[in-house]
Every structure is written in C-alpha cells, then in structure tokens.
Amino acid sequence: MGTTFAKYKGNGFNANDRVMQVVLALIVEEMDKQPAPDEWQSALRKDWYVSATVYLGYVVLRLDKWVDTPDRRTKIVHWVRGAQERLREYGPFVPKDELNRFVPPDDGWFTADLDTERFTIVTDYLIKLLDGRLLPAERDSRIWIQRSPDTPTDGTPEPDNNQ
C-alpha cells in the first residue's frame, strides 16, 4: 500500500495513495466550477489533476508551494470542503463505479464500494492541516478509518489490502 504524506509548514499526515487520489480528483472537480480561474489556480488544477489521475500510487500535493498566501489557503479550503460535501452525498459508501471514474481507463482498481469515512477523514485532515489545527494524534489518517459502519474504530492500522 502506497502512502502520501500531506505536508504543510512542517506538519502533516499520511494517507493511502488511492484515497488521496480520489480526494484530489474531487477537489479538481470543485475547482472546475469556478469561472475564469487565476493563473495560479489553473497551474494548481493541472498539477493536482496529474497527481490524482495519471500516476497511480504517486501523489504530490506541494502544499507549501501552492498555499503561500491567506487568500490561496481560503480558496483551497473552500474546494476541499466542496469535495467533502460531495463525498457525504454518497451516504455511507462511495460506489466502486464512481471511484473508478478517477483512475486511468481500464485500470478498474476499485473492486468494491468503500466507506465514505475513508475519504472524508482525509478532507477533514487537509482542512485542519491548512488551518494549523492538525493534532499529533491525527498524523496518520489510515489508523482512524473504519472498514464498515458497524466495525468499531480501535486505533489500530487497517490491513494492507489496497481496498
């Protein structure tokens, strides 16, 4: 299982690459809703689109590069919140067909519907990271993600089965 370390101003958290790629793809779709983006927004969109959809298992956020002003931070947090709301609209599980929309054609990496919390915890952590509120106990999003709504979260790492 590949992991992405989302880092900003010396703090950060780990997330499963595939989960981060879906989250980034949804953030890119939120960015696409904005008419006439600024030059930096177009460059960020291109960078994150490539990271989300072209190289499976290789995710680079470059938050310190892209979030260099309070205005940029505010805009990016807005897009992350939009992606988070879209995820919650799916209900308890994101359908595998929807997840596979974000991977290269014919990859079909996702073989089952996955619990929405797996993705929303990453959006929560991204927002906290950008707001400077990420706690030390929140450095690894993989340990807090449930397998199903009736599986208790006990703080142990999830098994490495890439689903």
Foldseek 3Di string as FASTA:
>chain_A
DAWDWDDDPHATAIAQQLLVLLLLVQLLVLLVVDPPDDPLSVVQSVQSLCQNEPDRRHHDNPCHVQVVDPVSLVVSLVSLVSSLVVLCVCPQWDALVSSCVRYPPPPSQRDGTFGSLSNNLVSVQVNCNSVVNHDPLSRYSQQQDDRGPPGDRDRHGDDPPSD
